Amino acid sequence: MPSETMPSETTATTLHHPIWVEHEQQRAADLQLRIADRITRFAGSMRFVYIHAVVFVLWMLFVESNPWPTLTLTVSLEAIFLSTFVMIGQNRQADFAQRKADHDFQEQEAELHVNTQLTRLIHDLAKEIHSTVCPAPPQAN
């Protein structure tokens, strides 16, 4: 299903920010993070909602005569784990955003430095052209 593909799964022609590529490579190298990503991706899908709705209805109708205590415990434990996976995802996004911001800052500083050098060179060139085209008048003694 197309909706289940990871954002990092792209064609060969798709270009990504270098920080994104590095970030995805680091996450792909860590088994625990790959598992957390898959669980988070599944838990954030409508399939997850539908499966849980069906399971909870079946549980209440056919599994237990008084399903509320056990069902409440199950749902509470699941919520604890899912909130942890959400926080892992948020930490991942915050880490990526910080690294990209740092990279962008360095790139902007380098660009400013280049622009400053170019401006100085253009200024020097303009002064030289001006002195060639409009030589100073001879001074009277």
C-alpha atoms as a PDB file:
ATOM      1  CA  MET A   1       0.000   0.000   0.000  1.00  0.00           C
ATOM      2  CA  PRO A   2       1.436   3.427  -0.901  1.00  0.00           C
ATOM      3  CA  SER A   3       0.337   5.006   2.376  1.00  0.00           C
ATOM      4  CA  GLU A   4       2.563   2.611   4.293  1.00  0.00           C
ATOM      5  CA  THR A   5       5.839   3.489   2.601  1.00  0.00           C
ATOM      6  CA  MET A   6       8.438   5.197   4.706  1.00  0.00           C
ATOM      7  CA  PRO A   7       9.279   8.803   3.897  1.00  0.00           C
ATOM      8  CA  SER A   8      12.886   7.705   3.370  1.00  0.00           C
ATOM      9  CA  GLU A   9      11.880   5.276   0.612  1.00  0.00           C
ATOM     10  CA  THR A  10      12.411   7.312  -2.509  1.00  0.00           C
ATOM     11  CA  THR A  11      13.400   6.952  -6.108  1.00  0.00           C
ATOM     12  CA  ALA A  12      16.962   7.435  -7.251  1.00  0.00           C
ATOM     13  CA  THR A  13      16.116  10.865  -8.659  1.00  0.00           C
ATOM     14  CA  THR A  14      14.799  12.282  -5.375  1.00  0.00           C
ATOM     15  CA  LEU A  15      17.254  14.619  -3.698  1.00  0.00           C
ATOM     16  CA  HIS A  16      17.305  15.074   0.059  1.00  0.00           C
ATOM     17  CA  HIS A  17      19.039  17.453   2.387  1.00  0.00           C
ATOM     18  CA  PRO A  18      22.406  15.994   3.491  1.00  0.00           C
ATOM     19  CA  ILE A  19      21.309  16.148   7.116  1.00  0.00           C
ATOM     20  CA  TRP A  20      18.183  14.128   6.276  1.00  0.00           C
ATOM     21  CA  VAL A  21      20.251  11.467   4.497  1.00  0.00           C
ATOM     22  CA  GLU A  22      22.672  11.205   7.426  1.00  0.00           C
ATOM     23  CA  HIS A  23      19.796  11.133   9.914  1.00  0.00           C
ATOM     24  CA  GLU A  24      18.019   8.328   8.047  1.00  0.00           C
ATOM     25  CA  GLN A  25      21.238   6.316   7.742  1.00  0.00           C
ATOM     26  CA  GLN A  26      21.809   6.551  11.484  1.00  0.00           C
ATOM     27  CA  ARG A  27      18.228   5.491  12.213  1.00  0.00           C
ATOM     28  CA  ALA A  28      18.446   2.627   9.721  1.00  0.00           C
ATOM     29  CA  ALA A  29      21.573   1.374  11.468  1.00  0.00           C
ATOM     30  CA  ASP A  30      19.823   1.105  14.859  1.00  0.00           C
ATOM     31  CA  LEU A  31      17.468  -1.877  15.169  1.00  0.00           C
ATOM     32  CA  GLN A  32      15.596  -0.402  18.144  1.00  0.00           C
ATOM     33  CA  LEU A  33      14.868   2.828  16.277  1.00  0.00           C
ATOM     34  CA  ARG A  34      13.717   0.935  13.189  1.00  0.00           C
ATOM     35  CA  ILE A  35      11.298  -1.083  15.348  1.00  0.00           C
ATOM     36  CA  ALA A  36      10.051   2.092  17.075  1.00  0.00           C
ATOM     37  CA  ASP A  37       9.551   3.775  13.692  1.00  0.00           C
ATOM     38  CA  ARG A  38       7.492   0.874  12.376  1.00  0.00           C
ATOM     39  CA  ILE A  39       5.343   0.694  15.493  1.00  0.00           C
ATOM     40  CA  THR A  40       4.793   4.456  15.424  1.00  0.00           C
ATOM     41  CA  ARG A  41       3.928   4.368  11.734  1.00  0.00           C
ATOM     42  CA  PHE A  42       1.407   1.547  12.308  1.00  0.00           C
ATOM     43  CA  ALA A  43      -0.054   3.133  15.459  1.00  0.00           C
ATOM     44  CA  GLY A  44      -0.613   6.356  13.531  1.00  0.00           C
ATOM     45  CA  SER A  45      -2.642   4.666  10.791  1.00  0.00           C
ATOM     46  CA  MET A  46      -6.357   4.134  10.332  1.00  0.00           C
ATOM     47  CA  ARG A  47      -5.690   0.386  10.103  1.00  0.00           C
ATOM     48  CA  PHE A  48      -4.626   0.544  13.757  1.00  0.00           C
ATOM     49  CA  VAL A  49      -7.895   2.294  14.668  1.00  0.00           C
ATOM     50  CA  TYR A  50     -10.042  -0.217  12.754  1.00  0.00           C
ATOM     51  CA  ILE A  51      -8.257  -3.251  14.212  1.00  0.00           C
ATOM     52  CA  HIS A  52      -8.651  -1.905  17.730  1.00  0.00           C
ATOM     53  CA  ALA A  53     -12.309  -1.060  17.254  1.00  0.00           C
ATOM     54  CA  VAL A  54     -13.018  -4.603  16.033  1.00  0.00           C
ATOM     55  CA  VAL A  55     -10.922  -6.246  18.766  1.00  0.00           C
ATOM     56  CA  PHE A  56     -12.542  -4.183  21.521  1.00  0.00           C
ATOM     57  CA  VAL A  57     -16.061  -4.922  20.276  1.00  0.00           C
ATOM     58  CA  LEU A  58     -15.306  -8.653  19.979  1.00  0.00           C
ATOM     59  CA  TRP A  59     -13.709  -8.640  23.420  1.00  0.00           C
ATOM     60  CA  MET A  60     -16.734  -6.957  25.001  1.00  0.00           C
ATOM     61  CA  LEU A  61     -19.213  -9.220  23.228  1.00  0.00           C
ATOM     62  CA  PHE A  62     -17.554 -12.633  23.274  1.00  0.00           C
ATOM     63  CA  VAL A  63     -14.476 -12.868  25.491  1.00  0.00           C
ATOM     64  CA  GLU A  64     -15.505 -11.654  28.915  1.00  0.00           C
ATOM     65  CA  SER A  65     -18.830 -11.177  30.570  1.00  0.00           C
ATOM     66  CA  ASN A  66     -17.463  -8.181  32.484  1.00  0.00           C
ATOM     67  CA  PRO A  67     -14.777  -6.854  30.090  1.00  0.00           C
ATOM     68  CA  TRP A  68     -14.240  -3.441  31.606  1.00  0.00           C
ATOM     69  CA  PRO A  69     -11.536  -4.105  34.246  1.00  0.00           C
ATOM     70  CA  THR A  70      -9.324  -6.174  31.932  1.00  0.00           C
ATOM     71  CA  LEU A  71     -10.048  -4.046  28.884  1.00  0.00           C
ATOM     72  CA  THR A  72      -9.293  -0.869  30.828  1.00  0.00           C
ATOM     73  CA  LEU A  73      -5.978  -2.318  32.020  1.00  0.00           C
ATOM     74  CA  THR A  74      -5.074  -3.424  28.486  1.00  0.00           C
ATOM     75  CA  VAL A  75      -5.952  -0.091  26.925  1.00  0.00           C
ATOM     76  CA  SER A  76      -4.071   1.807  29.651  1.00  0.00           C
ATOM     77  CA  LEU A  77      -0.925  -0.247  29.171  1.00  0.00           C
ATOM     78  CA  GLU A  78      -1.153   0.162  25.430  1.00  0.00           C
ATOM     79  CA  ALA A  79      -1.551   3.935  25.825  1.00  0.00           C
ATOM     80  CA  ILE A  80       1.578   4.069  27.973  1.00  0.00           C
ATOM     81  CA  PHE A  81       3.622   2.281  25.332  1.00  0.00           C
ATOM     82  CA  LEU A  82       2.156   4.243  22.434  1.00  0.00           C
ATOM     83  CA  SER A  83       2.835   7.557  24.148  1.00  0.00           C
ATOM     84  CA  THR A  84       6.455   6.442  24.537  1.00  0.00           C
ATOM     85  CA  PHE A  85       6.641   5.739  20.813  1.00  0.00           C
ATOM     86  CA  VAL A  86       5.125   9.149  20.086  1.00  0.00           C
ATOM     87  CA  MET A  87       7.803  10.773  22.258  1.00  0.00           C
ATOM     88  CA  ILE A  88      10.490   8.800  20.424  1.00  0.00           C
ATOM     89  CA  GLY A  89       9.113  10.182  17.163  1.00  0.00           C
ATOM     90  CA  GLN A  90       9.023  13.713  18.547  1.00  0.00           C
ATOM     91  CA  ASN A  91      12.606  13.390  19.777  1.00  0.00           C
ATOM     92  CA  ARG A  92      13.588  12.180  16.325  1.00  0.00           C
ATOM     93  CA  GLN A  93      11.923  15.171  14.683  1.00  0.00           C
ATOM     94  CA  ALA A  94      13.481  17.599  17.160  1.00  0.00           C
ATOM     95  CA  ASP A  95      16.929  16.084  16.619  1.00  0.00           C
ATOM     96  CA  PHE A  96      16.538  16.335  12.857  1.00  0.00           C
ATOM     97  CA  ALA A  97      15.257  19.920  13.059  1.00  0.00           C
ATOM     98  CA  GLN A  98      18.189  20.980  15.248  1.00  0.00           C
ATOM     99  CA  ARG A  99      20.756  19.313  13.014  1.00  0.00           C
ATOM    100  CA  LYS A 100      19.198  20.850   9.906  1.00  0.00           C
ATOM    101  CA  ALA A 101      19.094  24.279  11.551  1.00  0.00           C
ATOM    102  CA  ASP A 102      22.783  23.958  12.460  1.00  0.00           C
ATOM    103  CA  HIS A 103      23.629  22.882   8.920  1.00  0.00           C
ATOM    104  CA  ASP A 104      21.567  25.693   7.398  1.00  0.00           C
ATOM    105  CA  PHE A 105      23.249  28.229   9.687  1.00  0.00           C
ATOM    106  CA  GLN A 106      26.695  27.047   8.598  1.00  0.00           C
ATOM    107  CA  GLU A 107      25.641  27.185   4.948  1.00  0.00           C
ATOM    108  CA  GLN A 108      24.230  30.694   5.360  1.00  0.00           C
ATOM    109  CA  GLU A 109      27.398  31.884   7.081  1.00  0.00           C
ATOM    110  CA  ALA A 110      29.509  30.462   4.247  1.00  0.00           C
ATOM    111  CA  GLU A 111      27.191  32.102   1.705  1.00  0.00           C
ATOM    112  CA  LEU A 112      27.477  35.441   3.531  1.00  0.00           C
ATOM    113  CA  HIS A 113      31.264  35.153   3.482  1.00  0.00           C
ATOM    114  CA  VAL A 114      31.277  34.438  -0.274  1.00  0.00           C
ATOM    115  CA  ASN A 115      28.842  37.290  -0.943  1.00  0.00           C
ATOM    116  CA  THR A 116      30.982  39.671   1.105  1.00  0.00           C
ATOM    117  CA  GLN A 117      34.089  38.683  -0.873  1.00  0.00           C
ATOM    118  CA  LEU A 118      32.225  39.095  -4.162  1.00  0.00           C
ATOM    119  CA  THR A 119      30.958  42.517  -3.117  1.00  0.00           C
ATOM    120  CA  ARG A 120      34.495  43.631  -2.257  1.00  0.00           C
ATOM    121  CA  LEU A 121      35.828  42.317  -5.567  1.00  0.00           C
ATOM    122  CA  ILE A 122      33.047  44.060  -7.493  1.00  0.00           C
ATOM    123  CA  HIS A 123      33.772  47.279  -5.603  1.00  0.00           C
ATOM    124  CA  ASP A 124      37.503  47.021  -6.391  1.00  0.00           C
ATOM    125  CA  LEU A 125      36.705  46.262 -10.040  1.00  0.00           C
ATOM    126  CA  ALA A 126      34.315  49.208 -10.244  1.00  0.00           C
ATOM    127  CA  LYS A 127      36.995  51.517  -8.783  1.00  0.00           C
ATOM    128  CA  GLU A 128      39.556  50.235 -11.290  1.00  0.00           C
ATOM    129  CA  ILE A 129      37.147  50.653 -14.220  1.00  0.00           C
ATOM    130  CA  HIS A 130      36.300  54.150 -13.016  1.00  0.00           C
ATOM    131  CA  SER A 131      39.966  55.127 -12.744  1.00  0.00           C
ATOM    132  CA  THR A 132      40.593  53.782 -16.274  1.00  0.00           C
ATOM    133  CA  VAL A 133      37.521  55.312 -17.917  1.00  0.00           C
ATOM    134  CA  CYS A 134      37.569  58.574 -16.006  1.00  0.00           C
ATOM    135  CA  PRO A 135      41.202  59.347 -15.275  1.00  0.00           C
ATOM    136  CA  ALA A 136      41.886  62.053 -12.781  1.00  0.00           C
ATOM    137  CA  PRO A 137      42.391  65.482 -14.421  1.00  0.00           C
ATOM    138  CA  PRO A 138      45.974  66.738 -14.432  1.00  0.00           C
ATOM    139  CA  GLN A 139      46.742  68.924 -11.462  1.00  0.00           C
ATOM    140  CA  ALA A 140      47.836  72.499 -12.054  1.00  0.00           C
ATOM    141  CA  ASN A 141      50.954  73.638 -10.256  1.00  0.00           C
END
